[in-house]
């Protein structure tokens, strides 16, 4: 069996210096990368902003166009009885929703008249 020679203080100092330099190099690389990334982001920000706002414009335009077209089409092409049916159905749905919310509120907050509620 071969024995390892004992490390000297000089070898330990050299090892710590090497490790220290490696970490300093890594740290410097991260700083340089961060600086370069920030610089490129600042350069590209106006282009991104322009593309983003143009996309939002197109989305808003298409949504408004589609909504307007569907509304106009519905007013002109769908018979009045069908439109009335949609309106009455929507009103009935709203009323049913209101009643369901009221029942749920009563179930969650029952009036306390001295009785304990058991579930």
PDB file of N, CA and C in Angstrom:
ATOM      1  N   UNK A   1       0.832  -1.164   0.000  1.00  0.00           N
ATOM      2  CA  UNK A   1       0.000   0.000   0.000  1.00  0.00           C
ATOM      3  C   UNK A   1       0.885   1.237   0.000  1.00  0.00           C
ATOM      4  N   UNK A   2       0.560   2.176  -0.882  1.00  0.00           N
ATOM      5  CA  UNK A   2       1.373   3.391  -0.927  1.00  0.00           C
ATOM      6  C   UNK A   2       0.746   4.448  -0.049  1.00  0.00           C
ATOM      7  N   UNK A   3       1.562   5.156   0.590  1.00  0.00           N
ATOM      8  CA  UNK A   3       1.073   6.206   1.465  1.00  0.00           C
ATOM      9  C   UNK A   3       1.133   7.537   0.732  1.00  0.00           C
ATOM     10  N   UNK A   4       0.143   8.336   0.993  1.00  0.00           N
ATOM     11  CA  UNK A   4       0.128   9.668   0.408  1.00  0.00           C
ATOM     12  C   UNK A   4       1.043  10.552   1.229  1.00  0.00           C
ATOM     13  N   UNK A   5       1.807  11.344   0.573  1.00  0.00           N
ATOM     14  CA  UNK A   5       2.647  12.264   1.343  1.00  0.00           C
ATOM     15  C   UNK A   5       1.767  13.327   1.985  1.00  0.00           C
ATOM     16  N   UNK A   6       2.205  13.802   3.096  1.00  0.00           N
ATOM     17  CA  UNK A   6       1.455  14.845   3.793  1.00  0.00           C
ATOM     18  C   UNK A   6       1.483  16.121   2.978  1.00  0.00           C
ATOM     19  N   UNK A   7       0.335  16.826   3.005  1.00  0.00           N
ATOM     20  CA  UNK A   7       0.285  18.109   2.319  1.00  0.00           C
ATOM     21  C   UNK A   7       1.035  19.138   3.133  1.00  0.00           C
ATOM     22  N   UNK A   8       1.699  19.976   2.463  1.00  0.00           N
ATOM     23  CA  UNK A   8       2.397  21.060   3.153  1.00  0.00           C
ATOM     24  C   UNK A   8       1.536  22.301   3.128  1.00  0.00           C
ATOM     25  N   UNK A   9       1.894  23.278   3.908  1.00  0.00           N
ATOM     26  CA  UNK A   9       1.142  24.533   3.930  1.00  0.00           C
ATOM     27  C   UNK A   9       1.184  25.200   2.563  1.00  0.00           C
ATOM     28  N   UNK A  10       2.285  25.045   1.860  1.00  0.00           N
ATOM     29  CA  UNK A  10       2.441  25.638   0.540  1.00  0.00           C
ATOM     30  C   UNK A  10       1.448  25.023  -0.441  1.00  0.00           C
ATOM     31  N   UNK A  11       1.286  23.676  -0.383  1.00  0.00           N
ATOM     32  CA  UNK A  11       0.333  23.014  -1.272  1.00  0.00           C
ATOM     33  C   UNK A  11      -1.094  23.453  -0.952  1.00  0.00           C
ATOM     34  N   UNK A  12      -1.413  23.601   0.305  1.00  0.00           N
ATOM     35  CA  UNK A  12      -2.748  24.040   0.714  1.00  0.00           C
ATOM     36  C   UNK A  12      -3.009  25.456   0.232  1.00  0.00           C
ATOM     37  N   UNK A  13      -2.021  26.336   0.354  1.00  0.00           N
ATOM     38  CA  UNK A  13      -2.165  27.711  -0.110  1.00  0.00           C
ATOM     39  C   UNK A  13      -2.375  27.756  -1.622  1.00  0.00           C
ATOM     40  N   UNK A  14      -1.615  26.913  -2.357  1.00  0.00           N
ATOM     41  CA  UNK A  14      -1.765  26.872  -3.819  1.00  0.00           C
ATOM     42  C   UNK A  14      -3.155  26.377  -4.199  1.00  0.00           C
ATOM     43  N   UNK A  15      -3.654  25.374  -3.501  1.00  0.00           N
ATOM     44  CA  UNK A  15      -4.985  24.837  -3.788  1.00  0.00           C
ATOM     45  C   UNK A  15      -6.040  25.899  -3.527  1.00  0.00           C
ATOM     46  N   UNK A  16      -5.949  26.604  -2.380  1.00  0.00           N
ATOM     47  CA  UNK A  16      -6.947  27.632  -2.077  1.00  0.00           C
ATOM     48  C   UNK A  16      -6.878  28.770  -3.077  1.00  0.00           C
ATOM     49  N   UNK A  17      -5.705  29.140  -3.527  1.00  0.00           N
ATOM     50  CA  UNK A  17      -5.576  30.201  -4.527  1.00  0.00           C
ATOM     51  C   UNK A  17      -6.208  29.770  -5.847  1.00  0.00           C
ATOM     52  N   UNK A  18      -5.996  28.522  -6.224  1.00  0.00           N
ATOM     53  CA  UNK A  18      -6.565  28.015  -7.469  1.00  0.00           C
ATOM     54  C   UNK A  18      -8.092  28.022  -7.390  1.00  0.00           C
ATOM     55  N   UNK A  19      -8.632  27.538  -6.278  1.00  0.00           N
ATOM     56  CA  UNK A  19     -10.087  27.520  -6.098  1.00  0.00           C
ATOM     57  C   UNK A  19     -10.630  28.944  -6.102  1.00  0.00           C
ATOM     58  N   UNK A  20      -9.928  29.844  -5.440  1.00  0.00           N
ATOM     59  CA  UNK A  20     -10.352  31.242  -5.378  1.00  0.00           C
ATOM     60  C   UNK A  20     -10.380  31.855  -6.772  1.00  0.00           C
ATOM     61  N   UNK A  21      -9.351  31.585  -7.588  1.00  0.00           N
ATOM     62  CA  UNK A  21      -9.311  32.119  -8.952  1.00  0.00           C
ATOM     63  C   UNK A  21     -10.444  31.554  -9.808  1.00  0.00           C
ATOM     64  N   UNK A  22     -10.735  30.267  -9.617  1.00  0.00           N
ATOM     65  CA  UNK A  22     -11.830  29.653 -10.386  1.00  0.00           C
ATOM     66  C   UNK A  22     -13.149  30.344 -10.053  1.00  0.00           C
ATOM     67  N   UNK A  23     -13.424  30.550  -8.762  1.00  0.00           N
ATOM     68  CA  UNK A  23     -14.669  31.216  -8.379  1.00  0.00           C
ATOM     69  C   UNK A  23     -14.702  32.673  -8.828  1.00  0.00           C
ATOM     70  N   UNK A  24     -13.557  33.349  -8.803  1.00  0.00           N
ATOM     71  CA  UNK A  24     -13.509  34.721  -9.304  1.00  0.00           C
ATOM     72  C   UNK A  24     -13.803  34.757 -10.795  1.00  0.00           C
ATOM     73  N   UNK A  25     -13.266  33.778 -11.548  1.00  0.00           N
ATOM     74  CA  UNK A  25     -13.524  33.713 -12.995  1.00  0.00           C
ATOM     75  C   UNK A  25     -15.003  33.449 -13.261  1.00  0.00           C
ATOM     76  N   UNK A  26     -15.592  32.549 -12.498  1.00  0.00           N
ATOM     77  CA  UNK A  26     -17.027  32.248 -12.670  1.00  0.00           C
ATOM     78  C   UNK A  26     -17.848  33.485 -12.346  1.00  0.00           C
ATOM     79  N   UNK A  27     -17.512  34.156 -11.262  1.00  0.00           N
ATOM     80  CA  UNK A  27     -18.226  35.359 -10.853  1.00  0.00           C
ATOM     81  C   UNK A  27     -18.121  36.437 -11.925  1.00  0.00           C
ATOM     82  N   UNK A  28     -16.929  36.628 -12.464  1.00  0.00           N
ATOM     83  CA  UNK A  28     -16.724  37.619 -13.517  1.00  0.00           C
ATOM     84  C   UNK A  28     -17.525  37.255 -14.768  1.00  0.00           C
ATOM     85  N   UNK A  29     -17.600  35.967 -15.096  1.00  0.00           N
ATOM     86  CA  UNK A  29     -18.374  35.532 -16.263  1.00  0.00           C
ATOM     87  C   UNK A  29     -19.855  35.846 -16.072  1.00  0.00           C
ATOM     88  N   UNK A  30     -20.364  35.617 -14.869  1.00  0.00           N
ATOM     89  CA  UNK A  30     -21.761  35.937 -14.601  1.00  0.00           C
ATOM     90  C   UNK A  30     -22.012  37.438 -14.691  1.00  0.00           C
ATOM     91  N   UNK A  31     -21.124  38.244 -14.156  1.00  0.00           N
ATOM     92  CA  UNK A  31     -21.284  39.700 -14.237  1.00  0.00           C
ATOM     93  C   UNK A  31     -21.262  40.164 -15.690  1.00  0.00           C
ATOM     94  N   UNK A  32     -20.315  39.639 -16.469  1.00  0.00           N
ATOM     95  CA  UNK A  32     -20.218  40.036 -17.875  1.00  0.00           C
ATOM     96  C   UNK A  32     -21.471  39.615 -18.648  1.00  0.00           C
ATOM     97  N   UNK A  33     -21.949  38.392 -18.389  1.00  0.00           N
ATOM     98  CA  UNK A  33     -23.156  37.912 -19.061  1.00  0.00           C
ATOM     99  C   UNK A  33     -24.374  38.739 -18.687  1.00  0.00           C
ATOM    100  N   UNK A  34     -24.473  39.097 -17.422  1.00  0.00           N
ATOM    101  CA  UNK A  34     -25.587  39.925 -16.962  1.00  0.00           C
ATOM    102  C   UNK A  34     -25.554  41.292 -17.623  1.00  0.00           C
ATOM    103  N   UNK A  35     -24.362  41.878 -17.689  1.00  0.00           N
ATOM    104  CA  UNK A  35     -24.217  43.205 -18.303  1.00  0.00           C
ATOM    105  C   UNK A  35     -24.570  43.154 -19.786  1.00  0.00           C
ATOM    106  N   UNK A  36     -24.063  42.152 -20.482  1.00  0.00           N
ATOM    107  CA  UNK A  36     -24.334  42.030 -21.915  1.00  0.00           C
ATOM    108  C   UNK A  36     -25.817  41.754 -22.172  1.00  0.00           C
ATOM    109  N   UNK A  37     -26.405  40.877 -21.342  1.00  0.00           N
ATOM    110  CA  UNK A  37     -27.831  40.584 -21.496  1.00  0.00           C
ATOM    111  C   UNK A  37     -28.692  41.809 -21.268  1.00  0.00           C
ATOM    112  N   UNK A  38     -28.365  42.599 -20.242  1.00  0.00           N
ATOM    113  CA  UNK A  38     -29.114  43.829 -19.972  1.00  0.00           C
ATOM    114  C   UNK A  38     -28.990  44.803 -21.133  1.00  0.00           C
ATOM    115  N   UNK A  39     -27.784  44.929 -21.672  1.00  0.00           N
ATOM    116  CA  UNK A  39     -27.560  45.847 -22.791  1.00  0.00           C
ATOM    117  C   UNK A  39     -28.370  45.424 -24.017  1.00  0.00           C
ATOM    118  N   UNK A  40     -28.342  44.131 -24.330  1.00  0.00           N
ATOM    119  CA  UNK A  40     -29.104  43.659 -25.497  1.00  0.00           C
ATOM    120  C   UNK A  40     -30.606  43.823 -25.280  1.00  0.00           C
ATOM    121  N   UNK A  41     -31.064  43.593 -24.049  1.00  0.00           N
ATOM    122  CA  UNK A  41     -32.490  43.773 -23.761  1.00  0.00           C
ATOM    123  C   UNK A  41     -32.901  45.226 -23.963  1.00  0.00           C
ATOM    124  N   UNK A  42     -32.060  46.160 -23.507  1.00  0.00           N
ATOM    125  CA  UNK A  42     -32.365  47.578 -23.711  1.00  0.00           C
ATOM    126  C   UNK A  42     -32.395  47.930 -25.196  1.00  0.00           C
ATOM    127  N   UNK A  43     -31.517  47.325 -25.977  1.00  0.00           N
ATOM    128  CA  UNK A  43     -31.486  47.600 -27.421  1.00  0.00           C
ATOM    129  C   UNK A  43     -32.735  47.054 -28.115  1.00  0.00           C
ATOM    130  N   UNK A  44     -33.208  45.893 -27.691  1.00  0.00           N
ATOM    131  CA  UNK A  44     -34.328  45.240 -28.361  1.00  0.00           C
ATOM    132  C   UNK A  44     -35.685  45.673 -27.808  1.00  0.00           C
ATOM    133  N   UNK A  45     -35.711  46.355 -26.670  1.00  0.00           N
ATOM    134  CA  UNK A  45     -36.983  46.728 -26.039  1.00  0.00           C
ATOM    135  C   UNK A  45     -37.891  47.535 -26.965  1.00  0.00           C
ATOM    136  N   UNK A  46     -37.390  48.550 -27.677  1.00  0.00           N
ATOM    137  CA  UNK A  46     -38.294  49.300 -28.564  1.00  0.00           C
ATOM    138  C   UNK A  46     -38.914  48.423 -29.656  1.00  0.00           C
ATOM    139  N   UNK A  47     -38.129  47.511 -30.219  1.00  0.00           N
ATOM    140  CA  UNK A  47     -38.664  46.619 -31.251  1.00  0.00           C
ATOM    141  C   UNK A  47     -39.752  45.724 -30.670  1.00  0.00           C
ATOM    142  N   UNK A  48     -39.493  45.196 -29.470  1.00  0.00           N
ATOM    143  CA  UNK A  48     -40.473  44.323 -28.825  1.00  0.00           C
ATOM    144  C   UNK A  48     -41.746  45.102 -28.513  1.00  0.00           C
ATOM    145  N   UNK A  49     -41.577  46.321 -27.998  1.00  0.00           N
ATOM    146  CA  UNK A  49     -42.736  47.143 -27.649  1.00  0.00           C
ATOM    147  C   UNK A  49     -43.585  47.421 -28.884  1.00  0.00           C
ATOM    148  N   UNK A  50     -42.939  47.747 -29.992  1.00  0.00           N
ATOM    149  CA  UNK A  50     -43.663  48.014 -31.232  1.00  0.00           C
ATOM    150  C   UNK A  50     -44.428  46.775 -31.693  1.00  0.00           C
ATOM    151  N   UNK A  51     -43.761  45.629 -31.708  1.00  0.00           N
ATOM    152  CA  UNK A  51     -44.422  44.394 -32.140  1.00  0.00           C
ATOM    153  C   UNK A  51     -45.579  44.042 -31.212  1.00  0.00           C
ATOM    154  N   UNK A  52     -45.381  44.225 -29.919  1.00  0.00           N
ATOM    155  CA  UNK A  52     -46.415  43.899 -28.943  1.00  0.00           C
ATOM    156  C   UNK A  52     -47.631  44.804 -29.121  1.00  0.00           C
ATOM    157  N   UNK A  53     -47.414  46.111 -29.269  1.00  0.00           N
ATOM    158  CA  UNK A  53     -48.546  47.024 -29.430  1.00  0.00           C
ATOM    159  C   UNK A  53     -49.266  46.798 -30.755  1.00  0.00           C
ATOM    160  N   UNK A  54     -48.525  46.460 -31.813  1.00  0.00           N
ATOM    161  CA  UNK A  54     -49.173  46.144 -33.090  1.00  0.00           C
ATOM    162  C   UNK A  54     -50.029  44.896 -32.969  1.00  0.00           C
ATOM    163  N   UNK A  55     -49.542  43.918 -32.233  1.00  0.00           N
ATOM    164  CA  UNK A  55     -50.316  42.691 -32.018  1.00  0.00           C
ATOM    165  C   UNK A  55     -51.588  43.000 -31.243  1.00  0.00           C
ATOM    166  N   UNK A  56     -51.482  43.817 -30.198  1.00  0.00           N
ATOM    167  CA  UNK A  56     -52.670  44.196 -29.427  1.00  0.00           C
ATOM    168  C   UNK A  56     -53.663  44.970 -30.294  1.00  0.00           C
ATOM    169  N   UNK A  57     -53.138  45.840 -31.147  1.00  0.00           N
ATOM    170  CA  UNK A  57     -54.015  46.591 -32.050  1.00  0.00           C
ATOM    171  C   UNK A  57     -54.780  45.640 -32.956  1.00  0.00           C
ATOM    172  N   UNK A  58     -54.061  44.714 -33.574  1.00  0.00           N
ATOM    173  CA  UNK A  58     -54.701  43.767 -34.484  1.00  0.00           C
ATOM    174  C   UNK A  58     -55.733  42.912 -33.755  1.00  0.00           C
ATOM    175  N   UNK A  59     -55.406  42.480 -32.545  1.00  0.00           N
ATOM    176  CA  UNK A  59     -56.336  41.671 -31.763  1.00  0.00           C
ATOM    177  C   UNK A  59     -57.603  42.467 -31.446  1.00  0.00           C
ATOM    178  N   UNK A  60     -57.427  43.720 -30.989  1.00  0.00           N
ATOM    179  CA  UNK A  60     -58.575  44.561 -30.662  1.00  0.00           C
ATOM    180  C   UNK A  60     -59.422  44.831 -31.913  1.00  0.00           C
ATOM    181  N   UNK A  61     -58.762  45.108 -33.029  1.00  0.00           N
ATOM    182  CA  UNK A  61     -59.480  45.373 -34.276  1.00  0.00           C
ATOM    183  C   UNK A  61     -60.318  44.165 -34.673  1.00  0.00           C
ATOM    184  N   UNK A  62     -59.683  42.999 -34.674  1.00  0.00           N
ATOM    185  CA  UNK A  62     -60.393  41.788 -35.095  1.00  0.00           C
ATOM    186  C   UNK A  62     -61.532  41.439 -34.148  1.00  0.00           C
ATOM    187  N   UNK A  63     -61.325  41.628 -32.864  1.00  0.00           N
ATOM    188  CA  UNK A  63     -62.381  41.355 -31.897  1.00  0.00           C
ATOM    189  C   UNK A  63     -63.560  42.306 -32.121  1.00  0.00           C
ATOM    190  N   UNK A  64     -63.268  43.599 -32.304  1.00  0.00           N
ATOM    191  CA  UNK A  64     -64.329  44.576 -32.537  1.00  0.00           C
ATOM    192  C   UNK A  64     -65.045  44.303 -33.864  1.00  0.00           C
ATOM    193  N   UNK A  65     -64.288  43.977 -34.881  1.00  0.00           N
ATOM    194  CA  UNK A  65     -64.878  43.675 -36.182  1.00  0.00           C
ATOM    195  C   UNK A  65     -65.814  42.475 -36.079  1.00  0.00           C
ATOM    196  N   UNK A  66     -65.301  41.396 -35.442  1.00  0.00           N
ATOM    197  CA  UNK A  66     -66.115  40.185 -35.312  1.00  0.00           C
ATOM    198  C   UNK A  66     -67.377  40.423 -34.504  1.00  0.00           C
ATOM    199  N   UNK A  67     -67.243  41.177 -33.424  1.00  0.00           N
ATOM    200  CA  UNK A  67     -68.408  41.468 -32.591  1.00  0.00           C
ATOM    201  C   UNK A  67     -69.411  42.326 -33.351  1.00  0.00           C
ATOM    202  N   UNK A  68     -68.908  43.355 -34.013  1.00  0.00           N
ATOM    203  CA  UNK A  68     -69.797  44.225 -34.791  1.00  0.00           C
ATOM    204  C   UNK A  68     -70.483  43.477 -35.920  1.00  0.00           C
ATOM    205  N   UNK A  69     -69.726  42.641 -36.620  1.00  0.00           N
ATOM    206  CA  UNK A  69     -70.299  41.872 -37.725  1.00  0.00           C
ATOM    207  C   UNK A  69     -71.370  40.922 -37.210  1.00  0.00           C
ATOM    208  N   UNK A  70     -71.057  40.206 -36.128  1.00  0.00           N
ATOM    209  CA  UNK A  70     -72.023  39.243 -35.584  1.00  0.00           C
ATOM    210  C   UNK A  70     -73.285  39.957 -35.117  1.00  0.00           C
ATOM    211  N   UNK A  71     -73.110  41.122 -34.480  1.00  0.00           N
ATOM    212  CA  UNK A  71     -74.277  41.878 -34.023  1.00  0.00           C
ATOM    213  C   UNK A  71     -75.136  42.350 -35.179  1.00  0.00           C
ATOM    214  N   UNK A  72     -74.484  42.904 -36.194  1.00  0.00           N
ATOM    215  CA  UNK A  72     -75.228  43.392 -37.359  1.00  0.00           C
ATOM    216  C   UNK A  72     -75.893  42.234 -38.096  1.00  0.00           C
ATOM    217  N   UNK A  73     -75.177  41.141 -38.235  1.00  0.00           N
ATOM    218  CA  UNK A  73     -75.730  39.965 -38.902  1.00  0.00           C
ATOM    219  C   UNK A  73     -76.938  39.450 -38.126  1.00  0.00           C
ATOM    220  N   UNK A  74     -76.784  39.393 -36.818  1.00  0.00           N
ATOM    221  CA  UNK A  74     -77.884  38.906 -35.979  1.00  0.00           C
ATOM    222  C   UNK A  74     -79.103  39.800 -36.079  1.00  0.00           C
ATOM    223  N   UNK A  75     -78.896  41.116 -36.103  1.00  0.00           N
ATOM    224  CA  UNK A  75     -80.014  42.046 -36.193  1.00  0.00           C
ATOM    225  C   UNK A  75     -80.747  41.902 -37.529  1.00  0.00           C
ATOM    226  N   UNK A  76     -80.010  41.688 -38.590  1.00  0.00           N
ATOM    227  CA  UNK A  76     -80.609  41.663 -39.924  1.00  0.00           C
ATOM    228  C   UNK A  76     -81.120  40.281 -40.345  1.00  0.00           C
ATOM    229  N   UNK A  77     -80.415  39.239 -39.976  1.00  0.00           N
ATOM    230  CA  UNK A  77     -80.717  37.933 -40.543  1.00  0.00           C
ATOM    231  C   UNK A  77     -81.498  36.997 -39.622  1.00  0.00           C
ATOM    232  N   UNK A  78     -81.368  37.177 -38.315  1.00  0.00           N
ATOM    233  CA  UNK A  78     -82.042  36.268 -37.393  1.00  0.00           C
ATOM    234  C   UNK A  78     -83.467  36.770 -37.176  1.00  0.00           C
ATOM    235  N   UNK A  79     -84.446  35.887 -37.291  1.00  0.00           N
ATOM    236  CA  UNK A  79     -85.844  36.309 -37.113  1.00  0.00           C
ATOM    237  C   UNK A  79     -86.087  36.884 -35.708  1.00  0.00           C
ATOM    238  N   UNK A  80     -87.061  37.796 -35.613  1.00  0.00           N
ATOM    239  CA  UNK A  80     -87.371  38.459 -34.362  1.00  0.00           C
ATOM    240  C   UNK A  80     -87.759  37.450 -33.293  1.00  0.00           C
ATOM    241  N   UNK A  81     -88.455  36.401 -33.646  1.00  0.00           N
ATOM    242  CA  UNK A  81     -88.866  35.412 -32.640  1.00  0.00           C
ATOM    243  C   UNK A  81     -87.650  34.718 -32.014  1.00  0.00           C
ATOM    244  N   UNK A  82     -86.614  34.479 -32.817  1.00  0.00           N
ATOM    245  CA  UNK A  82     -85.400  33.866 -32.285  1.00  0.00           C
ATOM    246  C   UNK A  82     -84.688  34.846 -31.356  1.00  0.00           C
ATOM    247  N   UNK A  83     -84.598  36.116 -31.757  1.00  0.00           N
ATOM    248  CA  UNK A  83     -83.965  37.128 -30.892  1.00  0.00           C
ATOM    249  C   UNK A  83     -84.719  37.257 -29.584  1.00  0.00           C
ATOM    250  N   UNK A  84     -86.062  37.251 -29.652  1.00  0.00           N
ATOM    251  CA  UNK A  84     -86.876  37.338 -28.435  1.00  0.00           C
ATOM    252  C   UNK A  84     -86.643  36.116 -27.555  1.00  0.00           C
ATOM    253  N   UNK A  85     -86.499  34.958 -28.179  1.00  0.00           N
ATOM    254  CA  UNK A  85     -86.230  33.734 -27.407  1.00  0.00           C
ATOM    255  C   UNK A  85     -84.892  33.829 -26.671  1.00  0.00           C
ATOM    256  N   UNK A  86     -83.877  34.344 -27.340  1.00  0.00           N
ATOM    257  CA  UNK A  86     -82.570  34.531 -26.679  1.00  0.00           C
ATOM    258  C   UNK A  86     -82.692  35.505 -25.507  1.00  0.00           C
ATOM    259  N   UNK A  87     -83.400  36.605 -25.718  1.00  0.00           N
ATOM    260  CA  UNK A  87     -83.547  37.612 -24.661  1.00  0.00           C
ATOM    261  C   UNK A  87     -84.291  37.036 -23.462  1.00  0.00           C
ATOM    262  N   UNK A  88     -85.399  36.318 -23.723  1.00  0.00           N
ATOM    263  CA  UNK A  88     -86.160  35.720 -22.621  1.00  0.00           C
ATOM    264  C   UNK A  88     -85.341  34.642 -21.908  1.00  0.00           C
ATOM    265  N   UNK A  89     -84.599  33.857 -22.668  1.00  0.00           N
ATOM    266  CA  UNK A  89     -83.747  32.824 -22.052  1.00  0.00           C
ATOM    267  C   UNK A  89     -82.658  33.422 -21.183  1.00  0.00           C
ATOM    268  N   UNK A  90     -82.052  34.511 -21.660  1.00  0.00           N
ATOM    269  CA  UNK A  90     -81.015  35.186 -20.878  1.00  0.00           C
ATOM    270  C   UNK A  90     -81.606  35.752 -19.594  1.00  0.00           C
ATOM    271  N   UNK A  91     -82.800  36.345 -19.675  1.00  0.00           N
ATOM    272  CA  UNK A  91     -83.444  36.909 -18.484  1.00  0.00           C
ATOM    273  C   UNK A  91     -83.786  35.794 -17.498  1.00  0.00           C
ATOM    274  N   UNK A  92     -84.287  34.674 -17.984  1.00  0.00           N
ATOM    275  CA  UNK A  92     -84.629  33.554 -17.108  1.00  0.00           C
ATOM    276  C   UNK A  92     -83.372  32.988 -16.445  1.00  0.00           C
ATOM    277  N   UNK A  93     -82.279  32.905 -17.191  1.00  0.00           N
ATOM    278  CA  UNK A  93     -81.019  32.423 -16.626  1.00  0.00           C
ATOM    279  C   UNK A  93     -80.503  33.342 -15.538  1.00  0.00           C
ATOM    280  N   UNK A  94     -80.595  34.641 -15.750  1.00  0.00           N
ATOM    281  CA  UNK A  94     -80.169  35.608 -14.727  1.00  0.00           C
ATOM    282  C   UNK A  94     -81.013  35.467 -13.462  1.00  0.00           C
ATOM    283  N   UNK A  95     -82.321  35.300 -13.643  1.00  0.00           N
ATOM    284  CA  UNK A  95     -83.215  35.154 -12.485  1.00  0.00           C
ATOM    285  C   UNK A  95     -82.919  33.862 -11.723  1.00  0.00           C
ATOM    286  N   UNK A  96     -82.685  32.766 -12.440  1.00  0.00           N
ATOM    287  CA  UNK A  96     -82.349  31.498 -11.779  1.00  0.00           C
ATOM    288  C   UNK A  96     -81.027  31.616 -11.030  1.00  0.00           C
ATOM    289  N   UNK A  97     -80.079  32.323 -11.609  1.00  0.00           N
ATOM    290  CA  UNK A  97     -78.792  32.533 -10.945  1.00  0.00           C
ATOM    291  C   UNK A  97     -78.964  33.357  -9.682  1.00  0.00           C
ATOM    292  N   UNK A  98     -79.797  34.396  -9.745  1.00  0.00           N
ATOM    293  CA  UNK A  98     -80.050  35.231  -8.569  1.00  0.00           C
ATOM    294  C   UNK A  98     -80.674  34.403  -7.448  1.00  0.00           C
ATOM    295  N   UNK A  99     -81.653  33.553  -7.796  1.00  0.00           N
ATOM    296  CA  UNK A  99     -82.302  32.709  -6.789  1.00  0.00           C
ATOM    297  C   UNK A  99     -81.311  31.714  -6.182  1.00  0.00           C
ATOM    298  N   UNK A 100     -80.463  31.124  -7.021  1.00  0.00           N
ATOM    299  CA  UNK A 100     -79.474  30.155  -6.521  1.00  0.00           C
ATOM    300  C   UNK A 100     -78.476  30.831  -5.582  1.00  0.00           C
ATOM    301  N   UNK A 101     -78.042  32.039  -5.921  1.00  0.00           N
ATOM    302  CA  UNK A 101     -77.130  32.782  -5.038  1.00  0.00           C
ATOM    303  C   UNK A 101     -77.800  33.093  -3.709  1.00  0.00           C
ATOM    304  N   UNK A 102     -79.078  33.450  -3.768  1.00  0.00           N
ATOM    305  CA  UNK A 102     -79.815  33.774  -2.544  1.00  0.00           C
ATOM    306  C   UNK A 102     -79.931  32.537  -1.653  1.00  0.00           C
ATOM    307  N   UNK A 103     -80.270  31.379  -2.245  1.00  0.00           N
ATOM    308  CA  UNK A 103     -80.370  30.138  -1.460  1.00  0.00           C
ATOM    309  C   UNK A 103     -79.022  29.756  -0.867  1.00  0.00           C
ATOM    310  N   UNK A 104     -77.957  29.930  -1.646  1.00  0.00           N
ATOM    311  CA  UNK A 104     -76.624  29.601  -1.142  1.00  0.00           C
ATOM    312  C   UNK A 104     -76.243  30.520   0.012  1.00  0.00           C
ATOM    313  N   UNK A 105     -76.565  31.802  -0.109  1.00  0.00           N
ATOM    314  CA  UNK A 105     -76.256  32.750   0.961  1.00  0.00           C
ATOM    315  C   UNK A 105     -77.033  32.404   2.225  1.00  0.00           C
ATOM    316  N   UNK A 106     -78.288  32.017   2.065  1.00  0.00           N
ATOM    317  CA  UNK A 106     -79.091  31.633   3.226  1.00  0.00           C
ATOM    318  C   UNK A 106     -78.545  30.368   3.883  1.00  0.00           C
ATOM    319  N   UNK A 107     -78.070  29.422   3.073  1.00  0.00           N
ATOM    320  CA  UNK A 107     -77.524  28.177   3.623  1.00  0.00           C
ATOM    321  C   UNK A 107     -76.211  28.439   4.355  1.00  0.00           C
ATOM    322  N   UNK A 108     -75.421  29.358   3.853  1.00  0.00           N
ATOM    323  CA  UNK A 108     -74.134  29.652   4.480  1.00  0.00           C
ATOM    324  C   UNK A 108     -74.278  30.556   5.696  1.00  0.00           C
ATOM    325  N   UNK A 109     -75.281  31.413   5.701  1.00  0.00           N
ATOM    326  CA  UNK A 109     -75.489  32.353   6.808  1.00  0.00           C
ATOM    327  C   UNK A 109     -76.932  32.263   7.300  1.00  0.00           C
ATOM    328  N   UNK A 110     -77.320  31.150   7.911  1.00  0.00           N
ATOM    329  CA  UNK A 110     -78.716  31.032   8.361  1.00  0.00           C
ATOM    330  C   UNK A 110     -79.001  32.018   9.491  1.00  0.00           C
ATOM    331  N   UNK A 111     -80.240  32.421   9.554  1.00  0.00           N
ATOM    332  CA  UNK A 111     -80.620  33.322  10.638  1.00  0.00           C
ATOM    333  C   UNK A 111     -80.562  32.557  11.946  1.00  0.00           C
ATOM    334  N   UNK A 112     -80.001  33.160  12.956  1.00  0.00           N
ATOM    335  CA  UNK A 112     -79.858  32.530  14.263  1.00  0.00           C
ATOM    336  C   UNK A 112     -81.079  32.889  15.102  1.00  0.00           C
ATOM    337  N   UNK A 113     -81.926  31.921  15.358  1.00  0.00           N
ATOM    338  CA  UNK A 113     -83.086  32.168  16.204  1.00  0.00           C
ATOM    339  C   UNK A 113     -83.018  31.332  17.477  1.00  0.00           C
ATOM    340  N   UNK A 114     -81.796  31.173  17.981  1.00  0.00           N
ATOM    341  CA  UNK A 114     -81.619  30.435  19.216  1.00  0.00           C
ATOM    342  C   UNK A 114     -81.378  28.957  19.003  1.00  0.00           C
ATOM    343  N   UNK A 115     -81.577  28.477  17.823  1.00  0.00           N
ATOM    344  CA  UNK A 115     -81.367  27.060  17.519  1.00  0.00           C
ATOM    345  C   UNK A 115     -79.985  26.871  16.926  1.00  0.00           C
ATOM    346  N   UNK A 116     -79.380  25.743  17.217  1.00  0.00           N
ATOM    347  CA  UNK A 116     -78.083  25.428  16.632  1.00  0.00           C
ATOM    348  C   UNK A 116     -78.342  24.663  15.336  1.00  0.00           C
ATOM    349  N   UNK A 117     -77.636  25.038  14.343  1.00  0.00           N
ATOM    350  CA  UNK A 117     -77.795  24.393  13.027  1.00  0.00           C
ATOM    351  C   UNK A 117     -76.886  23.176  12.973  1.00  0.00           C
ATOM    352  N   UNK A 118     -77.446  22.035  12.590  1.00  0.00           N
ATOM    353  CA  UNK A 118     -76.626  20.821  12.408  1.00  0.00           C
ATOM    354  C   UNK A 118     -76.646  20.457  10.949  1.00  0.00           C
ATOM    355  N   UNK A 119     -75.523  19.970  10.510  1.00  0.00           N
ATOM    356  CA  UNK A 119     -75.411  19.597   9.103  1.00  0.00           C
ATOM    357  C   UNK A 119     -75.238  18.105   8.997  1.00  0.00           C
TER     358      UNK A 119
END
